[in-house]
Structure formats: structure tokens, C-alpha cells
Amino acid sequence: MATIYETIQELGSIVTSAITAGTSENVPSRLIRTTLLKVSTGKYKEVLPIVVPAECCILGDELRSTNVQPRTVYNSASTLTPTGDFKYTSVSLQRLEDIIDEIVTGQAVTPTTGNSQTQDQTWPYAETTTVAPAAQKLARNIRRTRR
């Protein structure tokens, strides 16, 4: 089985060849990979949302003996986020709260000290300025919410 990098190179060469040739004759038809996940009998408390790709089937051993549900503070054996990790989560959310309005409106974000990465603003962003304050309030609410 090819690695992800090899697969990307192979698929990229198909696109490049088609563009160079100016025709789509050599472009293969769409390949849809299917996946089957088998889940054994038991209770599973998961951090949601669980993202299930297209054409993927999740199959439990038995109809009523496999139970997948959200992991909450009430049904988990430990806390959802380790207490020692809270300071990092809080600082991250504070930074997000500071820059999210710039991100959603497509403005340049002021980098933090030591950040030498070049910004990429080519993806679509919100078209109205009413979204930025709402996103900022959402980040603030997430950061301030206690368990």
C-alpha cells in the first residue's frame, strides 16, 4: 500500500498531466473508498463530534450491546481535560479570542512573539463584519466556561 505522500504525488501527476495535455481523457473516474469499522460489544464514551467519512459504515457486534455516547463530566472516569492542561487551553482560547475577528474578516493577524510563519489569507472568509464580534464572544464564552 502506498504512503499518503506517494498517493498525493501520484494523484497530483494525473492532474498536472491533464492540464499540460489540455484534455481530460487520461483522468480516471472517481475512486470512492469504502471503510467498515467493527465495534465490539461494550459502552464507549467518546469526545464528540465523531467525524465519520463518506462511504464509511460503523457496525456494532450486537444491536443493543454496543453503545456509543458522548463523554461528559458525569459519565467519564476522569475529567474531560486534565487539570494540568487547563492553563494551556485557557491561553490558547485567549489568543483565539484576540484574533478571531481578524481571521473571519480576512485581515492580517498580528503574529505572537517568535512566530515567523508567513500568513496565508487565500481561503474564503466571512463577508460581513457582524460575524467577527459574534465569533469573538463565542471564543470568550468557551474560555470562561467552567466544568
C-alpha atoms as a PDB file:
ATOM      1  CA  MET A   1       0.000   0.000   0.000  1.00  0.00           C
ATOM      2  CA  ALA A   2       1.324   3.423  -0.932  1.00  0.00           C
ATOM      3  CA  THR A   3       2.038   6.057   1.670  1.00  0.00           C
ATOM      4  CA  ILE A   4      -0.085   9.203   1.797  1.00  0.00           C
ATOM      5  CA  TYR A   5       2.745  11.241   0.282  1.00  0.00           C
ATOM      6  CA  GLU A   6       3.137   8.768  -2.605  1.00  0.00           C
ATOM      7  CA  THR A   7      -0.623   8.822  -3.207  1.00  0.00           C
ATOM      8  CA  ILE A   8      -0.640  12.639  -3.284  1.00  0.00           C
ATOM      9  CA  GLN A   9       2.263  12.668  -5.745  1.00  0.00           C
ATOM     10  CA  GLU A  10       0.536  10.115  -7.973  1.00  0.00           C
ATOM     11  CA  LEU A  11      -2.785  11.977  -7.977  1.00  0.00           C
ATOM     12  CA  GLY A  12      -1.038  15.307  -8.482  1.00  0.00           C
ATOM     13  CA  SER A  13       0.749  13.975 -11.549  1.00  0.00           C
ATOM     14  CA  ILE A  14      -2.609  12.926 -13.058  1.00  0.00           C
ATOM     15  CA  VAL A  15      -3.962  16.464 -12.678  1.00  0.00           C
ATOM     16  CA  THR A  16      -0.732  18.044 -13.937  1.00  0.00           C
ATOM     17  CA  SER A  17      -0.644  15.760 -16.985  1.00  0.00           C
ATOM     18  CA  ALA A  18      -4.286  16.541 -17.825  1.00  0.00           C
ATOM     19  CA  ILE A  19      -3.668  20.295 -17.588  1.00  0.00           C
ATOM     20  CA  THR A  20      -0.495  20.044 -19.680  1.00  0.00           C
ATOM     21  CA  ALA A  21      -2.255  17.932 -22.337  1.00  0.00           C
ATOM     22  CA  GLY A  22      -5.304  20.197 -22.300  1.00  0.00           C
ATOM     23  CA  THR A  23      -7.657  17.218 -22.150  1.00  0.00           C
ATOM     24  CA  SER A  24      -9.311  15.079 -19.507  1.00  0.00           C
ATOM     25  CA  GLU A  25      -9.092  11.799 -21.434  1.00  0.00           C
ATOM     26  CA  ASN A  26      -6.479  10.289 -19.109  1.00  0.00           C
ATOM     27  CA  VAL A  27      -8.201  11.340 -15.887  1.00  0.00           C
ATOM     28  CA  PRO A  28      -9.563   8.197 -14.224  1.00  0.00           C
ATOM     29  CA  SER A  29     -13.110   8.012 -12.930  1.00  0.00           C
ATOM     30  CA  ARG A  30     -13.728   8.919  -9.302  1.00  0.00           C
ATOM     31  CA  LEU A  31     -12.499   6.360  -6.783  1.00  0.00           C
ATOM     32  CA  ILE A  32     -14.675   6.100  -3.687  1.00  0.00           C
ATOM     33  CA  ARG A  33     -13.008   4.172  -0.907  1.00  0.00           C
ATOM     34  CA  THR A  34     -15.293   2.350   1.468  1.00  0.00           C
ATOM     35  CA  THR A  35     -14.499   1.547   5.067  1.00  0.00           C
ATOM     36  CA  LEU A  36     -16.045  -0.736   7.642  1.00  0.00           C
ATOM     37  CA  LEU A  37     -15.395  -0.130  11.322  1.00  0.00           C
ATOM     38  CA  LYS A  38     -16.306  -3.045  13.553  1.00  0.00           C
ATOM     39  CA  VAL A  39     -17.099  -2.081  17.138  1.00  0.00           C
ATOM     40  CA  SER A  40     -17.078  -4.747  19.842  1.00  0.00           C
ATOM     41  CA  THR A  41     -19.804  -5.064  22.440  1.00  0.00           C
ATOM     42  CA  GLY A  42     -19.489  -2.514  25.228  1.00  0.00           C
ATOM     43  CA  LYS A  43     -20.028   1.100  26.217  1.00  0.00           C
ATOM     44  CA  TYR A  44     -17.884   3.766  24.593  1.00  0.00           C
ATOM     45  CA  LYS A  45     -17.842   7.319  25.897  1.00  0.00           C
ATOM     46  CA  GLU A  46     -16.379   9.455  23.124  1.00  0.00           C
ATOM     47  CA  VAL A  47     -15.375  13.070  22.730  1.00  0.00           C
ATOM     48  CA  LEU A  48     -17.805  14.476  20.184  1.00  0.00           C
ATOM     49  CA  PRO A  49     -18.309  15.168  17.411  1.00  0.00           C
ATOM     50  CA  ILE A  50     -17.300  11.862  15.913  1.00  0.00           C
ATOM     51  CA  VAL A  51     -16.479  12.557  12.281  1.00  0.00           C
ATOM     52  CA  VAL A  52     -17.426   9.672  10.015  1.00  0.00           C
ATOM     53  CA  PRO A  53     -16.172   9.944   6.439  1.00  0.00           C
ATOM     54  CA  ALA A  54     -18.439   9.332   3.460  1.00  0.00           C
ATOM     55  CA  GLU A  55     -18.912   5.692   2.465  1.00  0.00           C
ATOM     56  CA  CYS A  56     -17.967   4.517   5.970  1.00  0.00           C
ATOM     57  CA  CYS A  57     -20.078   2.052   7.923  1.00  0.00           C
ATOM     58  CA  ILE A  58     -19.826   1.590  11.689  1.00  0.00           C
ATOM     59  CA  LEU A  59     -21.039  -1.869  12.623  1.00  0.00           C
ATOM     60  CA  GLY A  60     -21.596  -2.969  16.213  1.00  0.00           C
ATOM     61  CA  ASP A  61     -21.253  -6.619  17.295  1.00  0.00           C
ATOM     62  CA  GLU A  62     -24.823  -6.702  18.525  1.00  0.00           C
ATOM     63  CA  LEU A  63     -27.736  -4.340  18.087  1.00  0.00           C
ATOM     64  CA  ARG A  64     -28.338  -3.479  21.750  1.00  0.00           C
ATOM     65  CA  SER A  65     -24.984  -4.390  23.286  1.00  0.00           C
ATOM     66  CA  THR A  66     -22.871  -1.723  21.586  1.00  0.00           C
ATOM     67  CA  ASN A  67     -23.432   1.750  22.981  1.00  0.00           C
ATOM     68  CA  VAL A  68     -21.567   4.851  21.805  1.00  0.00           C
ATOM     69  CA  GLN A  69     -22.450   8.071  23.594  1.00  0.00           C
ATOM     70  CA  PRO A  70     -20.912  11.448  24.337  1.00  0.00           C
ATOM     71  CA  ARG A  71     -18.325  11.542  27.072  1.00  0.00           C
ATOM     72  CA  THR A  72     -19.413  14.042  29.701  1.00  0.00           C
ATOM     73  CA  VAL A  73     -18.163  15.132  33.084  1.00  0.00           C
ATOM     74  CA  TYR A  74     -20.847  12.886  34.629  1.00  0.00           C
ATOM     75  CA  ASN A  75     -20.063   9.609  32.848  1.00  0.00           C
ATOM     76  CA  SER A  76     -16.282   9.721  32.456  1.00  0.00           C
ATOM     77  CA  ALA A  77     -13.924   8.051  34.871  1.00  0.00           C
ATOM     78  CA  SER A  78     -11.720  11.139  34.844  1.00  0.00           C
ATOM     79  CA  THR A  79     -12.203  14.761  33.927  1.00  0.00           C
ATOM     80  CA  LEU A  80     -12.575  15.680  30.273  1.00  0.00           C
ATOM     81  CA  THR A  81      -9.437  17.809  30.203  1.00  0.00           C
ATOM     82  CA  PRO A  82      -6.576  17.102  32.621  1.00  0.00           C
ATOM     83  CA  THR A  83      -6.361  19.849  35.237  1.00  0.00           C
ATOM     84  CA  GLY A  84      -2.682  20.447  34.477  1.00  0.00           C
ATOM     85  CA  ASP A  85      -3.600  21.180  30.861  1.00  0.00           C
ATOM     86  CA  PHE A  86      -6.079  23.930  31.726  1.00  0.00           C
ATOM     87  CA  LYS A  87      -3.551  26.774  31.671  1.00  0.00           C
ATOM     88  CA  TYR A  88      -2.546  25.896  28.084  1.00  0.00           C
ATOM     89  CA  THR A  89      -6.170  25.592  26.985  1.00  0.00           C
ATOM     90  CA  SER A  90      -7.026  28.930  28.587  1.00  0.00           C
ATOM     91  CA  VAL A  91      -4.067  30.722  26.970  1.00  0.00           C
ATOM     92  CA  SER A  92      -4.919  29.208  23.573  1.00  0.00           C
ATOM     93  CA  LEU A  93      -8.539  30.300  23.811  1.00  0.00           C
ATOM     94  CA  GLN A  94      -7.457  33.780  24.937  1.00  0.00           C
ATOM     95  CA  ARG A  95      -5.278  34.078  21.818  1.00  0.00           C
ATOM     96  CA  LEU A  96      -8.143  32.822  19.656  1.00  0.00           C
ATOM     97  CA  GLU A  97     -10.453  35.389  21.237  1.00  0.00           C
ATOM     98  CA  ASP A  98      -7.922  38.134  20.413  1.00  0.00           C
ATOM     99  CA  ILE A  99      -7.507  37.245  16.722  1.00  0.00           C
ATOM    100  CA  ILE A 100     -10.716  35.530  15.625  1.00  0.00           C
ATOM    101  CA  ASP A 101     -12.322  38.757  14.412  1.00  0.00           C
ATOM    102  CA  GLU A 102      -9.288  39.366  12.167  1.00  0.00           C
ATOM    103  CA  ILE A 103      -9.430  35.806  10.856  1.00  0.00           C
ATOM    104  CA  VAL A 104     -13.118  35.753   9.931  1.00  0.00           C
ATOM    105  CA  THR A 105     -12.919  39.115   8.175  1.00  0.00           C
ATOM    106  CA  GLY A 106      -9.746  38.210   6.252  1.00  0.00           C
ATOM    107  CA  GLN A 107      -7.440  40.755   7.889  1.00  0.00           C
ATOM    108  CA  ALA A 108      -3.772  40.190   8.647  1.00  0.00           C
ATOM    109  CA  VAL A 109      -3.238  38.708  12.110  1.00  0.00           C
ATOM    110  CA  THR A 110      -0.544  40.224  14.288  1.00  0.00           C
ATOM    111  CA  PRO A 111       1.840  37.340  14.980  1.00  0.00           C
ATOM    112  CA  THR A 112       2.884  36.477  18.512  1.00  0.00           C
ATOM    113  CA  THR A 113       6.499  36.939  19.585  1.00  0.00           C
ATOM    114  CA  GLY A 114       8.683  34.304  17.955  1.00  0.00           C
ATOM    115  CA  ASN A 115       6.144  33.422  15.248  1.00  0.00           C
ATOM    116  CA  SER A 116       7.939  33.707  11.910  1.00  0.00           C
ATOM    117  CA  GLN A 117       5.342  31.849   9.823  1.00  0.00           C
ATOM    118  CA  THR A 118       4.026  33.611   6.754  1.00  0.00           C
ATOM    119  CA  GLN A 119       0.274  34.181   6.817  1.00  0.00           C
ATOM    120  CA  ASP A 120      -1.960  32.655   4.184  1.00  0.00           C
ATOM    121  CA  GLN A 121      -5.217  34.527   3.571  1.00  0.00           C
ATOM    122  CA  THR A 122      -6.313  32.782   0.378  1.00  0.00           C
ATOM    123  CA  TRP A 123      -9.236  30.849   1.855  1.00  0.00           C
ATOM    124  CA  PRO A 124     -12.771  32.279   1.958  1.00  0.00           C
ATOM    125  CA  TYR A 125     -13.730  34.383   4.932  1.00  0.00           C
ATOM    126  CA  ALA A 126     -16.886  35.929   6.349  1.00  0.00           C
ATOM    127  CA  GLU A 127     -18.397  38.622   4.171  1.00  0.00           C
ATOM    128  CA  THR A 128     -19.940  40.711   6.908  1.00  0.00           C
ATOM    129  CA  THR A 129     -18.437  42.397   9.919  1.00  0.00           C
ATOM    130  CA  THR A 130     -21.248  41.148  12.155  1.00  0.00           C
ATOM    131  CA  VAL A 131     -19.688  37.685  12.217  1.00  0.00           C
ATOM    132  CA  ALA A 132     -16.419  38.766  13.841  1.00  0.00           C
ATOM    133  CA  PRO A 133     -17.885  40.091  17.132  1.00  0.00           C
ATOM    134  CA  ALA A 134     -20.136  37.028  17.408  1.00  0.00           C
ATOM    135  CA  ALA A 135     -17.160  34.689  16.894  1.00  0.00           C
ATOM    136  CA  GLN A 136     -15.139  36.647  19.438  1.00  0.00           C
ATOM    137  CA  LYS A 137     -17.961  36.368  22.001  1.00  0.00           C
ATOM    138  CA  LEU A 138     -18.193  32.636  21.325  1.00  0.00           C
ATOM    139  CA  ALA A 139     -14.448  32.190  21.958  1.00  0.00           C
ATOM    140  CA  ARG A 140     -14.771  34.243  25.158  1.00  0.00           C
ATOM    141  CA  ASN A 141     -17.709  32.112  26.357  1.00  0.00           C
ATOM    142  CA  ILE A 142     -15.822  28.892  25.676  1.00  0.00           C
ATOM    143  CA  ARG A 143     -12.789  30.161  27.564  1.00  0.00           C
ATOM    144  CA  ARG A 144     -14.835  31.327  30.563  1.00  0.00           C
ATOM    145  CA  THR A 145     -16.981  28.203  30.843  1.00  0.00           C
ATOM    146  CA  ARG A 146     -16.023  26.136  33.859  1.00  0.00           C
ATOM    147  CA  ARG A 147     -16.697  22.464  34.376  1.00  0.00           C
END
